[in-house]
Amino acid sequence: MAKIFYEKWSTPVHAARRKGYGFASHMHDETEIVLLTSGTTELVCDGKKYTLYSGDAAVVFPNHTHAYN
C-alpha cells in the first residue's frame, strides 16, 4: 500500500505553478483547483484515474486522497 501524506498549507489560498507536474498521494483540508496549461497528466482521486489535457481543469474537494502522475 502506498503512503499517503497530509499536506497542511499555511494560508487559506495556495497557488503554485509547476512544470512536469507529478505529486505523491496526499490529502488536505483545502479545496484544490488545478488548471493544466500544457501537456497531459494523470490525476488519481480516491483510486479513480482521470487523464487531464491542456486546458482542462479539475477540482479536488477537501480530505480526498489524490495524486498526479
C-alpha atoms as a PDB file:
ATOM      1  CA  MET A   1       0.000   0.000   0.000  1.00  0.00           C
ATOM      2  CA  ALA A   2       1.320   3.432  -0.944  1.00  0.00           C
ATOM      3  CA  LYS A   3       1.969   6.006   1.751  1.00  0.00           C
ATOM      4  CA  ILE A   4      -0.362   8.989   1.881  1.00  0.00           C
ATOM      5  CA  PHE A   5       0.770  12.206   3.475  1.00  0.00           C
ATOM      6  CA  TYR A   6      -1.307  15.009   4.930  1.00  0.00           C
ATOM      7  CA  GLU A   7      -0.427  18.371   3.429  1.00  0.00           C
ATOM      8  CA  LYS A   8      -1.031  21.440   5.608  1.00  0.00           C
ATOM      9  CA  TRP A   9      -0.960  24.797   3.881  1.00  0.00           C
ATOM     10  CA  SER A  10      -0.092  27.888   5.922  1.00  0.00           C
ATOM     11  CA  THR A  11      -2.600  30.117   4.096  1.00  0.00           C
ATOM     12  CA  PRO A  12      -6.272  29.703   3.128  1.00  0.00           C
ATOM     13  CA  VAL A  13      -5.388  30.141  -0.574  1.00  0.00           C
ATOM     14  CA  HIS A  14      -2.348  28.468  -2.109  1.00  0.00           C
ATOM     15  CA  ALA A  15      -1.215  28.976  -5.693  1.00  0.00           C
ATOM     16  CA  ALA A  16       1.610  27.127  -7.400  1.00  0.00           C
ATOM     17  CA  ARG A  17       2.948  26.832 -10.911  1.00  0.00           C
ATOM     18  CA  ARG A  18       4.767  23.620 -11.728  1.00  0.00           C
ATOM     19  CA  LYS A  19       6.339  22.188 -14.833  1.00  0.00           C
ATOM     20  CA  GLY A  20       6.493  18.414 -15.336  1.00  0.00           C
ATOM     21  CA  TYR A  21       3.802  18.007 -12.721  1.00  0.00           C
ATOM     22  CA  GLY A  22       3.917  14.921 -10.544  1.00  0.00           C
ATOM     23  CA  PHE A  23       2.894  14.793  -6.902  1.00  0.00           C
ATOM     24  CA  ALA A  24       2.662  11.878  -4.469  1.00  0.00           C
ATOM     25  CA  SER A  25      -0.599  10.677  -2.956  1.00  0.00           C
ATOM     26  CA  HIS A  26      -1.811  13.187  -0.368  1.00  0.00           C
ATOM     27  CA  MET A  27      -4.828  14.938   1.150  1.00  0.00           C
ATOM     28  CA  HIS A  28      -5.585  18.254   2.870  1.00  0.00           C
ATOM     29  CA  ASP A  29      -8.405  20.351   4.365  1.00  0.00           C
ATOM     30  CA  GLU A  30      -8.495  22.777   1.443  1.00  0.00           C
ATOM     31  CA  THR A  31     -10.203  22.543  -1.951  1.00  0.00           C
ATOM     32  CA  GLU A  32      -7.649  22.136  -4.746  1.00  0.00           C
ATOM     33  CA  ILE A  33      -8.274  23.603  -8.201  1.00  0.00           C
ATOM     34  CA  VAL A  34      -5.901  22.590 -10.992  1.00  0.00           C
ATOM     35  CA  LEU A  35      -5.687  24.136 -14.450  1.00  0.00           C
ATOM     36  CA  LEU A  36      -3.427  22.271 -16.839  1.00  0.00           C
ATOM     37  CA  THR A  37      -1.863  24.815 -19.204  1.00  0.00           C
ATOM     38  CA  SER A  38       0.132  22.399 -21.368  1.00  0.00           C
ATOM     39  CA  GLY A  39       0.733  18.696 -21.924  1.00  0.00           C
ATOM     40  CA  THR A  40      -1.142  15.922 -20.137  1.00  0.00           C
ATOM     41  CA  THR A  41      -1.129  14.439 -16.652  1.00  0.00           C
ATOM     42  CA  GLU A  42      -2.965  11.710 -14.793  1.00  0.00           C
ATOM     43  CA  LEU A  43      -4.972  12.636 -11.721  1.00  0.00           C
ATOM     44  CA  VAL A  44      -5.791   9.763  -9.371  1.00  0.00           C
ATOM     45  CA  CYS A  45      -8.525  10.710  -6.899  1.00  0.00           C
ATOM     46  CA  ASP A  46      -9.884   8.186  -4.425  1.00  0.00           C
ATOM     47  CA  GLY A  47      -8.452   5.419  -6.598  1.00  0.00           C
ATOM     48  CA  LYS A  48     -10.115   6.559  -9.839  1.00  0.00           C
ATOM     49  CA  LYS A  49      -7.859   7.694 -12.722  1.00  0.00           C
ATOM     50  CA  TYR A  50      -8.535  10.739 -14.872  1.00  0.00           C
ATOM     51  CA  THR A  51      -6.400  11.996 -17.758  1.00  0.00           C
ATOM     52  CA  LEU A  52      -6.124  15.774 -17.906  1.00  0.00           C
ATOM     53  CA  TYR A  53      -5.204  17.538 -21.143  1.00  0.00           C
ATOM     54  CA  SER A  54      -4.044  21.077 -21.830  1.00  0.00           C
ATOM     55  CA  GLY A  55      -6.898  23.440 -20.982  1.00  0.00           C
ATOM     56  CA  ASP A  56      -8.616  21.000 -18.592  1.00  0.00           C
ATOM     57  CA  ALA A  57      -9.435  21.926 -15.009  1.00  0.00           C
ATOM     58  CA  ALA A  58     -10.049  19.655 -12.034  1.00  0.00           C
ATOM     59  CA  VAL A  59     -11.434  20.305  -8.560  1.00  0.00           C
ATOM     60  CA  VAL A  60     -10.443  18.072  -5.654  1.00  0.00           C
ATOM     61  CA  PHE A  61     -12.553  18.599  -2.557  1.00  0.00           C
ATOM     62  CA  PRO A  62     -11.114  18.518   0.989  1.00  0.00           C
ATOM     63  CA  ASN A  63      -9.933  15.247   2.501  1.00  0.00           C
ATOM     64  CA  HIS A  64      -9.950  13.230  -0.722  1.00  0.00           C
ATOM     65  CA  THR A  65      -6.773  11.256  -1.388  1.00  0.00           C
ATOM     66  CA  HIS A  66      -5.245  12.318  -4.703  1.00  0.00           C
ATOM     67  CA  ALA A  67      -2.007  12.233  -6.694  1.00  0.00           C
ATOM     68  CA  TYR A  68      -0.650  13.403 -10.040  1.00  0.00           C
ATOM     69  CA  ASN A  69       1.474  11.116 -12.214  1.00  0.00           C
END
